[in-house]
All heavy atoms as atom14 arrays in JSON, in Angstrom:
{
  "sequence": "EINRIVGWLNTECATLQAMGFDEVYVSFIPNSSSLYKKTSFPY",
  "atom14_mask": [
    [1, 1, 1, 1, 1, 1, 1, 1, 1, 0, 0, 0, 0, 0],
    [1, 1, 1, 1, 1, 1, 1, 1, 0, 0, 0, 0, 0, 0],
    [1, 1, 1, 1, 1, 1, 1, 1, 0, 0, 0, 0, 0, 0],
    [1, 1, 1, 1, 1, 1, 1, 1, 1, 1, 1, 0, 0, 0],
    [1, 1, 1, 1, 1, 1, 1, 1, 0, 0, 0, 0, 0, 0],
    [1, 1, 1, 1, 1, 1, 1, 0, 0, 0, 0, 0, 0, 0],
    [1, 1, 1, 1, 0, 0, 0, 0, 0, 0, 0, 0, 0, 0],
    [1, 1, 1, 1, 1, 1, 1, 1, 1, 1, 1, 1, 1, 1],
    [1, 1, 1, 1, 1, 1, 1, 1, 0, 0, 0, 0, 0, 0],
    [1, 1, 1, 1, 1, 1, 1, 1, 0, 0, 0, 0, 0, 0],
    [1, 1, 1, 1, 1, 1, 1, 0, 0, 0, 0, 0, 0, 0],
    [1, 1, 1, 1, 1, 1, 1, 1, 1, 0, 0, 0, 0, 0],
    [1, 1, 1, 1, 1, 1, 0, 0, 0, 0, 0, 0, 0, 0],
    [1, 1, 1, 1, 1, 0, 0, 0, 0, 0, 0, 0, 0, 0],
    [1, 1, 1, 1, 1, 1, 1, 0, 0, 0, 0, 0, 0, 0],
    [1, 1, 1, 1, 1, 1, 1, 1, 0, 0, 0, 0, 0, 0],
    [1, 1, 1, 1, 1, 1, 1, 1, 1, 0, 0, 0, 0, 0],
    [1, 1, 1, 1, 1, 0, 0, 0, 0, 0, 0, 0, 0, 0],
    [1, 1, 1, 1, 1, 1, 1, 1, 0, 0, 0, 0, 0, 0],
    [1, 1, 1, 1, 0, 0, 0, 0, 0, 0, 0, 0, 0, 0],
    [1, 1, 1, 1, 1, 1, 1, 1, 1, 1, 1, 0, 0, 0],
    [1, 1, 1, 1, 1, 1, 1, 1, 0, 0, 0, 0, 0, 0],
    [1, 1, 1, 1, 1, 1, 1, 1, 1, 0, 0, 0, 0, 0],
    [1, 1, 1, 1, 1, 1, 1, 0, 0, 0, 0, 0, 0, 0],
    [1, 1, 1, 1, 1, 1, 1, 1, 1, 1, 1, 1, 0, 0],
    [1, 1, 1, 1, 1, 1, 1, 0, 0, 0, 0, 0, 0, 0],
    [1, 1, 1, 1, 1, 1, 0, 0, 0, 0, 0, 0, 0, 0],
    [1, 1, 1, 1, 1, 1, 1, 1, 1, 1, 1, 0, 0, 0],
    [1, 1, 1, 1, 1, 1, 1, 1, 0, 0, 0, 0, 0, 0],
    [1, 1, 1, 1, 1, 1, 1, 0, 0, 0, 0, 0, 0, 0],
    [1, 1, 1, 1, 1, 1, 1, 1, 0, 0, 0, 0, 0, 0],
    [1, 1, 1, 1, 1, 1, 0, 0, 0, 0, 0, 0, 0, 0],
    [1, 1, 1, 1, 1, 1, 0, 0, 0, 0, 0, 0, 0, 0],
    [1, 1, 1, 1, 1, 1, 0, 0, 0, 0, 0, 0, 0, 0],
    [1, 1, 1, 1, 1, 1, 1, 1, 0, 0, 0, 0, 0, 0],
    [1, 1, 1, 1, 1, 1, 1, 1, 1, 1, 1, 1, 0, 0],
    [1, 1, 1, 1, 1, 1, 1, 1, 1, 0, 0, 0, 0, 0],
    [1, 1, 1, 1, 1, 1, 1, 1, 1, 0, 0, 0, 0, 0],
    [1, 1, 1, 1, 1, 1, 1, 0, 0, 0, 0, 0, 0, 0],
    [1, 1, 1, 1, 1, 1, 0, 0, 0, 0, 0, 0, 0, 0],
    [1, 1, 1, 1, 1, 1, 1, 1, 1, 1, 1, 0, 0, 0],
    [1, 1, 1, 1, 1, 1, 1, 0, 0, 0, 0, 0, 0, 0],
    [1, 1, 1, 1, 1, 1, 1, 1, 1, 1, 1, 1, 0, 0]
  ],
  "atom14_positions": [
    [[-11.73, 6.08, 1.45], [-10.84, 5.29, 2.25], [-9.51, 5.05, 1.51], [-8.41, 5.17, 2.15], [-11.45, 3.92, 2.53], [-10.53, 3.04, 3.42], [-11.19, 1.72, 3.83], [-12.38, 1.54, 3.52], [-10.47, 0.9, 4.42], [0.0, 0.0, 0.0], [0.0, 0.0, 0.0], [0.0, 0.0, 0.0], [0.0, 0.0, 0.0], [0.0, 0.0, 0.0]],
    [[-9.54, 4.85, 0.22], [-8.3, 4.73, -0.57], [-7.48, 5.99, -0.43], [-6.24, 5.96, -0.22], [-8.62, 4.43, -2.07], [-9.34, 3.06, -2.2], [-7.35, 4.46, -2.89], [-8.53, 1.87, -1.85], [0.0, 0.0, 0.0], [0.0, 0.0, 0.0], [0.0, 0.0, 0.0], [0.0, 0.0, 0.0], [0.0, 0.0, 0.0], [0.0, 0.0, 0.0]],
    [[-8.14, 7.14, -0.55], [-7.43, 8.39, -0.44], [-6.79, 8.6, 0.92], [-5.67, 9.17, 1.07], [-8.35, 9.57, -0.78], [-8.77, 9.61, -2.23], [-8.02, 9.11, -3.07], [-9.87, 10.18, -2.56], [0.0, 0.0, 0.0], [0.0, 0.0, 0.0], [0.0, 0.0, 0.0], [0.0, 0.0, 0.0], [0.0, 0.0, 0.0], [0.0, 0.0, 0.0]],
    [[-7.49, 8.1, 1.99], [-6.91, 8.26, 3.35], [-5.66, 7.39, 3.49], [-4.67, 7.85, 4.05], [-7.96, 7.86, 4.39], [-9.07, 8.86, 4.61], [-9.82, 8.65, 5.93], [-10.4, 7.31, 5.99], [-11.6, 7.03, 5.52], [-12.34, 7.94, 4.95], [-12.13, 5.79, 5.66], [0.0, 0.0, 0.0], [0.0, 0.0, 0.0], [0.0, 0.0, 0.0]],
    [[-5.71, 6.17, 2.95], [-4.51, 5.3, 2.98], [-3.32, 5.94, 2.24], [-2.21, 5.96, 2.72], [-4.82, 3.9, 2.43], [-5.87, 3.21, 3.32], [-3.61, 3.08, 2.28], [-6.44, 1.91, 2.71], [0.0, 0.0, 0.0], [0.0, 0.0, 0.0], [0.0, 0.0, 0.0], [0.0, 0.0, 0.0], [0.0, 0.0, 0.0], [0.0, 0.0, 0.0]],
    [[-3.65, 6.44, 1.04], [-2.59, 7.07, 0.25], [-2.04, 8.29, 0.97], [-0.81, 8.45, 0.99], [-3.17, 7.5, -1.12], [-2.19, 8.37, -1.9], [-3.51, 6.27, -1.97], [0.0, 0.0, 0.0], [0.0, 0.0, 0.0], [0.0, 0.0, 0.0], [0.0, 0.0, 0.0], [0.0, 0.0, 0.0], [0.0, 0.0, 0.0], [0.0, 0.0, 0.0]],
    [[-2.93, 9.1, 1.61], [-2.41, 10.26, 2.31], [-1.55, 9.9, 3.49], [-0.49, 10.53, 3.72], [0.0, 0.0, 0.0], [0.0, 0.0, 0.0], [0.0, 0.0, 0.0], [0.0, 0.0, 0.0], [0.0, 0.0, 0.0], [0.0, 0.0, 0.0], [0.0, 0.0, 0.0], [0.0, 0.0, 0.0], [0.0, 0.0, 0.0], [0.0, 0.0, 0.0]],
    [[-1.91, 8.81, 4.21], [-1.14, 8.31, 5.32], [0.24, 7.85, 4.86], [1.26, 8.19, 5.44], [-1.83, 7.22, 6.07], [-1.17, 6.73, 7.28], [-1.31, 7.18, 8.54], [-0.18, 5.67, 7.36], [-0.53, 6.44, 9.41], [0.22, 5.55, 8.72], [0.42, 4.8, 6.42], [1.12, 4.58, 9.13], [1.35, 3.86, 6.87], [1.69, 3.77, 8.19]],
    [[0.25, 7.15, 3.78], [1.57, 6.65, 3.2], [2.41, 7.77, 2.69], [3.65, 7.76, 2.93], [1.27, 5.65, 2.08], [0.82, 4.23, 2.5], [0.33, 3.46, 1.3], [1.98, 3.5, 3.18], [0.0, 0.0, 0.0], [0.0, 0.0, 0.0], [0.0, 0.0, 0.0], [0.0, 0.0, 0.0], [0.0, 0.0, 0.0], [0.0, 0.0, 0.0]],
    [[1.79, 8.8, 2.1], [2.55, 9.95, 1.67], [3.29, 10.56, 2.85], [4.48, 10.9, 2.78], [1.66, 10.97, 0.99], [1.22, 10.56, -0.41], [1.86, 9.73, -1.05], [0.16, 11.17, -0.87], [0.0, 0.0, 0.0], [0.0, 0.0, 0.0], [0.0, 0.0, 0.0], [0.0, 0.0, 0.0], [0.0, 0.0, 0.0], [0.0, 0.0, 0.0]],
    [[2.54, 10.78, 3.93], [3.11, 11.44, 5.1], [4.17, 10.59, 5.76], [5.26, 11.07, 6.12], [1.98, 11.7, 6.12], [1.01, 12.59, 5.55], [2.56, 12.39, 7.38], [0.0, 0.0, 0.0], [0.0, 0.0, 0.0], [0.0, 0.0, 0.0], [0.0, 0.0, 0.0], [0.0, 0.0, 0.0], [0.0, 0.0, 0.0], [0.0, 0.0, 0.0]],
    [[3.94, 9.29, 5.96], [4.87, 8.41, 6.62], [6.17, 8.25, 5.84], [7.27, 8.29, 6.38], [4.22, 7.04, 6.85], [3.03, 7.04, 7.83], [3.46, 7.37, 9.24], [4.3, 6.66, 9.81], [3.0, 8.41, 9.74], [0.0, 0.0, 0.0], [0.0, 0.0, 0.0], [0.0, 0.0, 0.0], [0.0, 0.0, 0.0], [0.0, 0.0, 0.0]],
    [[6.01, 8.05, 4.55], [7.21, 7.86, 3.68], [8.07, 9.12, 3.68], [9.3, 9.05, 3.74], [6.83, 7.43, 2.28], [6.15, 5.76, 2.21], [0.0, 0.0, 0.0], [0.0, 0.0, 0.0], [0.0, 0.0, 0.0], [0.0, 0.0, 0.0], [0.0, 0.0, 0.0], [0.0, 0.0, 0.0], [0.0, 0.0, 0.0], [0.0, 0.0, 0.0]],
    [[7.43, 10.27, 3.62], [8.16, 11.54, 3.62], [8.9, 11.74, 4.96], [10.05, 12.19, 5.04], [7.23, 12.72, 3.36], [0.0, 0.0, 0.0], [0.0, 0.0, 0.0], [0.0, 0.0, 0.0], [0.0, 0.0, 0.0], [0.0, 0.0, 0.0], [0.0, 0.0, 0.0], [0.0, 0.0, 0.0], [0.0, 0.0, 0.0], [0.0, 0.0, 0.0]],
    [[8.21, 11.36, 6.05], [8.79, 11.5, 7.38], [9.97, 10.57, 7.56], [11.05, 10.92, 8.13], [7.78, 11.26, 8.49], [6.65, 12.12, 8.28], [8.34, 11.44, 9.88], [0.0, 0.0, 0.0], [0.0, 0.0, 0.0], [0.0, 0.0, 0.0], [0.0, 0.0, 0.0], [0.0, 0.0, 0.0], [0.0, 0.0, 0.0], [0.0, 0.0, 0.0]],
    [[9.89, 9.34, 7.07], [10.92, 8.37, 7.14], [12.15, 8.83, 6.35], [13.3, 8.6, 6.71], [10.41, 7.0, 6.66], [9.45, 6.29, 7.62], [8.73, 5.16, 6.9], [10.17, 5.81, 8.84], [0.0, 0.0, 0.0], [0.0, 0.0, 0.0], [0.0, 0.0, 0.0], [0.0, 0.0, 0.0], [0.0, 0.0, 0.0], [0.0, 0.0, 0.0]],
    [[11.92, 9.42, 5.22], [13.01, 9.93, 4.43], [13.73, 11.1, 5.2], [14.96, 11.2, 5.21], [12.57, 10.43, 3.09], [12.27, 9.25, 2.09], [11.96, 9.75, 0.7], [10.91, 10.25, 0.44], [12.89, 9.52, -0.19], [0.0, 0.0, 0.0], [0.0, 0.0, 0.0], [0.0, 0.0, 0.0], [0.0, 0.0, 0.0], [0.0, 0.0, 0.0]],
    [[12.95, 11.88, 5.88], [13.51, 13.0, 6.6], [14.33, 12.49, 7.79], [15.25, 13.16, 8.26], [12.41, 13.94, 7.13], [0.0, 0.0, 0.0], [0.0, 0.0, 0.0], [0.0, 0.0, 0.0], [0.0, 0.0, 0.0], [0.0, 0.0, 0.0], [0.0, 0.0, 0.0], [0.0, 0.0, 0.0], [0.0, 0.0, 0.0], [0.0, 0.0, 0.0]],
    [[14.03, 11.25, 8.25], [14.73, 10.66, 9.35], [16.07, 10.05, 8.9], [16.87, 9.66, 9.78], [13.91, 9.6, 10.03], [12.66, 10.14, 10.75], [11.57, 8.75, 11.26], [12.61, 7.83, 12.33], [0.0, 0.0, 0.0], [0.0, 0.0, 0.0], [0.0, 0.0, 0.0], [0.0, 0.0, 0.0], [0.0, 0.0, 0.0], [0.0, 0.0, 0.0]],
    [[16.31, 9.94, 7.6], [17.59, 9.47, 7.15], [17.57, 8.38, 6.09], [18.61, 7.94, 5.59], [0.0, 0.0, 0.0], [0.0, 0.0, 0.0], [0.0, 0.0, 0.0], [0.0, 0.0, 0.0], [0.0, 0.0, 0.0], [0.0, 0.0, 0.0], [0.0, 0.0, 0.0], [0.0, 0.0, 0.0], [0.0, 0.0, 0.0], [0.0, 0.0, 0.0]],
    [[16.37, 7.85, 5.81], [16.32, 6.83, 4.76], [16.31, 7.5, 3.37], [15.5, 8.38, 3.06], [15.02, 5.97, 4.91], [15.01, 5.03, 6.05], [14.38, 5.34, 7.26], [15.73, 3.83, 5.99], [14.4, 4.48, 8.29], [15.76, 2.95, 7.02], [15.13, 3.3, 8.22], [0.0, 0.0, 0.0], [0.0, 0.0, 0.0], [0.0, 0.0, 0.0]],
    [[17.28, 7.12, 2.57], [17.43, 7.72, 1.24], [16.3, 7.3, 0.27], [15.86, 8.09, -0.55], [18.77, 7.31, 0.64], [19.92, 7.75, 1.49], [20.14, 8.98, 1.56], [20.56, 6.88, 2.12], [0.0, 0.0, 0.0], [0.0, 0.0, 0.0], [0.0, 0.0, 0.0], [0.0, 0.0, 0.0], [0.0, 0.0, 0.0], [0.0, 0.0, 0.0]],
    [[15.84, 6.05, 0.44], [14.77, 5.54, -0.39], [13.81, 4.76, 0.48], [14.18, 3.95, 1.31], [15.34, 4.63, -1.5], [16.37, 5.32, -2.38], [17.15, 4.29, -3.22], [16.56, 3.32, -3.69], [18.37, 4.47, -3.35], [0.0, 0.0, 0.0], [0.0, 0.0, 0.0], [0.0, 0.0, 0.0], [0.0, 0.0, 0.0], [0.0, 0.0, 0.0]],
    [[12.5, 5.01, 0.3], [11.47, 4.32, 1.01], [10.51, 3.71, -0.03], [10.01, 4.47, -0.88], [10.7, 5.21, 1.96], [9.56, 4.41, 2.65], [11.65, 5.83, 2.98], [0.0, 0.0, 0.0], [0.0, 0.0, 0.0], [0.0, 0.0, 0.0], [0.0, 0.0, 0.0], [0.0, 0.0, 0.0], [0.0, 0.0, 0.0], [0.0, 0.0, 0.0]],
    [[10.29, 2.42, 0.05], [9.39, 1.72, -0.9], [8.26, 1.06, -0.12], [8.44, 0.59, 1.02], [10.13, 0.68, -1.67], [11.25, 1.21, -2.55], [12.53, 1.41, -2.04], [11.0, 1.49, -3.91], [13.55, 1.88, -2.85], [12.02, 2.01, -4.7], [13.32, 2.2, -4.16], [14.3, 2.72, -4.95], [0.0, 0.0, 0.0], [0.0, 0.0, 0.0]],
    [[7.11, 0.94, -0.75], [5.95, 0.24, -0.19], [5.67, -0.94, -1.11], [5.68, -0.81, -2.33], [4.71, 1.19, -0.11], [3.53, 0.36, 0.49], [5.06, 2.37, 0.71], [0.0, 0.0, 0.0], [0.0, 0.0, 0.0], [0.0, 0.0, 0.0], [0.0, 0.0, 0.0], [0.0, 0.0, 0.0], [0.0, 0.0, 0.0], [0.0, 0.0, 0.0]],
    [[5.42, -2.11, -0.52], [5.15, -3.3, -1.31], [4.0, -4.08, -0.74], [3.99, -4.47, 0.46], [6.38, -4.19, -1.36], [6.17, -5.29, -2.19], [0.0, 0.0, 0.0], [0.0, 0.0, 0.0], [0.0, 0.0, 0.0], [0.0, 0.0, 0.0], [0.0, 0.0, 0.0], [0.0, 0.0, 0.0], [0.0, 0.0, 0.0], [0.0, 0.0, 0.0]],
    [[2.94, -4.25, -1.53], [1.78, -5.0, -1.12], [1.78, -6.4, -1.73], [1.93, -6.54, -2.95], [0.48, -4.29, -1.56], [0.37, -2.85, -1.2], [0.43, -1.86, -2.2], [0.31, -2.45, 0.09], [0.32, -0.53, -1.84], [0.21, -1.14, 0.45], [0.28, -0.14, -0.53], [0.0, 0.0, 0.0], [0.0, 0.0, 0.0], [0.0, 0.0, 0.0]],
    [[1.69, -7.42, -0.88], [1.64, -8.83, -1.41], [0.15, -9.24, -1.51], [-0.56, -9.23, -0.5], [2.35, -9.79, -0.44], [3.75, -9.21, -0.08], [2.46, -11.15, -1.06], [4.65, -8.99, -1.29], [0.0, 0.0, 0.0], [0.0, 0.0, 0.0], [0.0, 0.0, 0.0], [0.0, 0.0, 0.0], [0.0, 0.0, 0.0], [0.0, 0.0, 0.0]],
    [[-0.33, -9.57, -2.69], [-1.74, -9.86, -2.88], [-2.18, -11.09, -2.07], [-1.44, -12.01, -1.8], [-1.84, -10.15, -4.41], [-0.56, -9.66, -5.0], [0.47, -9.71, -3.94], [0.0, 0.0, 0.0], [0.0, 0.0, 0.0], [0.0, 0.0, 0.0], [0.0, 0.0, 0.0], [0.0, 0.0, 0.0], [0.0, 0.0, 0.0], [0.0, 0.0, 0.0]],
    [[-3.45, -11.04, -1.7], [-4.13, -12.27, -1.19], [-4.18, -13.27, -2.3], [-4.37, -12.89, -3.5], [-5.56, -11.96, -0.72], [-5.65, -10.94, 0.4], [-4.76, -10.82, 1.24], [-6.7, -10.19, 0.43], [0.0, 0.0, 0.0], [0.0, 0.0, 0.0], [0.0, 0.0, 0.0], [0.0, 0.0, 0.0], [0.0, 0.0, 0.0], [0.0, 0.0, 0.0]],
    [[-4.04, -14.53, -2.03], [-4.17, -15.55, -3.07], [-5.53, -15.51, -3.72], [-5.71, -15.75, -4.89], [-3.86, -16.95, -2.55], [-4.77, -17.27, -1.51], [0.0, 0.0, 0.0], [0.0, 0.0, 0.0], [0.0, 0.0, 0.0], [0.0, 0.0, 0.0], [0.0, 0.0, 0.0], [0.0, 0.0, 0.0], [0.0, 0.0, 0.0], [0.0, 0.0, 0.0]],
    [[-6.54, -15.09, -2.91], [-7.93, -15.02, -3.42], [-8.06, -13.9, -4.48], [-8.86, -14.02, -5.36], [-8.91, -14.76, -2.3], [-8.57, -13.6, -1.54], [0.0, 0.0, 0.0], [0.0, 0.0, 0.0], [0.0, 0.0, 0.0], [0.0, 0.0, 0.0], [0.0, 0.0, 0.0], [0.0, 0.0, 0.0], [0.0, 0.0, 0.0], [0.0, 0.0, 0.0]],
    [[-7.24, -12.89, -4.39], [-7.24, -11.81, -5.39], [-6.85, -12.29, -6.76], [-7.25, -11.76, -7.78], [-6.32, -10.68, -5.01], [-6.7, -10.1, -3.72], [0.0, 0.0, 0.0], [0.0, 0.0, 0.0], [0.0, 0.0, 0.0], [0.0, 0.0, 0.0], [0.0, 0.0, 0.0], [0.0, 0.0, 0.0], [0.0, 0.0, 0.0], [0.0, 0.0, 0.0]],
    [[-6.04, -13.39, -6.77], [-5.59, -13.92, -8.05], [-6.32, -15.14, -8.53], [-6.48, -15.29, -9.78], [-4.08, -14.3, -7.88], [-3.11, -13.17, -7.52], [-1.79, -13.72, -7.03], [-2.92, -12.25, -8.7], [0.0, 0.0, 0.0], [0.0, 0.0, 0.0], [0.0, 0.0, 0.0], [0.0, 0.0, 0.0], [0.0, 0.0, 0.0], [0.0, 0.0, 0.0]],
    [[-6.79, -15.97, -7.63], [-7.28, -17.25, -8.05], [-8.77, -17.56, -7.75], [-9.35, -18.43, -8.33], [-6.49, -18.38, -7.4], [-4.98, -18.25, -7.71], [-4.03, -17.98, -6.67], [-4.46, -18.35, -9.01], [-2.69, -17.91, -6.95], [-3.14, -18.18, -9.3], [-2.22, -18.0, -8.27], [-0.88, -17.9, -8.52], [0.0, 0.0, 0.0], [0.0, 0.0, 0.0]],
    [[-9.34, -16.85, -6.8], [-10.7, -17.12, -6.35], [-11.75, -16.55, -7.3], [-11.71, -15.38, -7.64], [-10.94, -16.55, -4.91], [-12.31, -16.85, -4.35], [-12.53, -18.32, -4.04], [-13.86, -18.51, -3.37], [-14.07, -19.97, -3.06], [0.0, 0.0, 0.0], [0.0, 0.0, 0.0], [0.0, 0.0, 0.0], [0.0, 0.0, 0.0], [0.0, 0.0, 0.0]],
    [[-12.68, -17.42, -7.72], [-13.79, -17.0, -8.58], [-15.05, -16.88, -7.74], [-15.49, -17.85, -7.09], [-14.03, -17.99, -9.71], [-12.78, -18.3, -10.54], [-12.25, -17.05, -11.26], [-11.04, -17.33, -12.12], [-10.46, -16.12, -12.73], [0.0, 0.0, 0.0], [0.0, 0.0, 0.0], [0.0, 0.0, 0.0], [0.0, 0.0, 0.0], [0.0, 0.0, 0.0]],
    [[-15.61, -15.65, -7.69], [-16.84, -15.44, -6.93], [-17.77, -14.55, -7.72], [-17.43, -14.03, -8.78], [-16.55, -14.7, -5.58], [-16.25, -13.33, -5.84], [-15.37, -15.34, -4.84], [0.0, 0.0, 0.0], [0.0, 0.0, 0.0], [0.0, 0.0, 0.0], [0.0, 0.0, 0.0], [0.0, 0.0, 0.0], [0.0, 0.0, 0.0], [0.0, 0.0, 0.0]],
    [[-18.96, -14.39, -7.22], [-19.95, -13.54, -7.87], [-19.69, -12.06, -7.52], [-20.36, -11.18, -8.05], [-21.37, -13.92, -7.41], [-21.51, -13.87, -6.01], [0.0, 0.0, 0.0], [0.0, 0.0, 0.0], [0.0, 0.0, 0.0], [0.0, 0.0, 0.0], [0.0, 0.0, 0.0], [0.0, 0.0, 0.0], [0.0, 0.0, 0.0], [0.0, 0.0, 0.0]],
    [[-18.75, -11.83, -6.59], [-18.4, -10.47, -6.25], [-17.08, -10.05, -6.96], [-16.12, -10.85, -7.04], [-18.15, -10.36, -4.74], [-19.38, -10.68, -3.94], [-19.55, -11.97, -3.37], [-20.37, -9.72, -3.75], [-20.69, -12.29, -2.65], [-21.5, -10.05, -2.97], [-21.65, -11.31, -2.42], [0.0, 0.0, 0.0], [0.0, 0.0, 0.0], [0.0, 0.0, 0.0]],
    [[-17.0, -8.86, -7.48], [-15.77, -8.43, -8.18], [-14.66, -8.12, -7.2], [-14.89, -7.75, -6.04], [-16.23, -7.15, -8.91], [-17.33, -6.59, -8.04], [-18.06, -7.82, -7.47], [0.0, 0.0, 0.0], [0.0, 0.0, 0.0], [0.0, 0.0, 0.0], [0.0, 0.0, 0.0], [0.0, 0.0, 0.0], [0.0, 0.0, 0.0], [0.0, 0.0, 0.0]],
    [[-13.46, -8.31, -7.68], [-12.27, -7.95, -6.89], [-12.26, -6.44, -6.65], [-12.5, -5.68, -7.59], [-11.02, -8.41, -7.61], [-9.71, -7.96, -7.03], [-9.5, -8.01, -5.62], [-8.66, -7.45, -7.81], [-8.28, -7.61, -5.06], [-7.44, -7.05, -7.23], [-7.29, -7.14, -5.86], [-6.1, -6.7, -5.3], [0.0, 0.0, 0.0], [0.0, 0.0, 0.0]]
  ]
}
């Protein structure tokens, strides 16, 4: 699944650049639980 997401982003970002964007960036904002929540399950 990670590889599918990466492949989709590769394709989309390349296409967007071909449409005229000089630079395309991707930014993920973490869930607060990823930083602060303590559980028995690993992040």
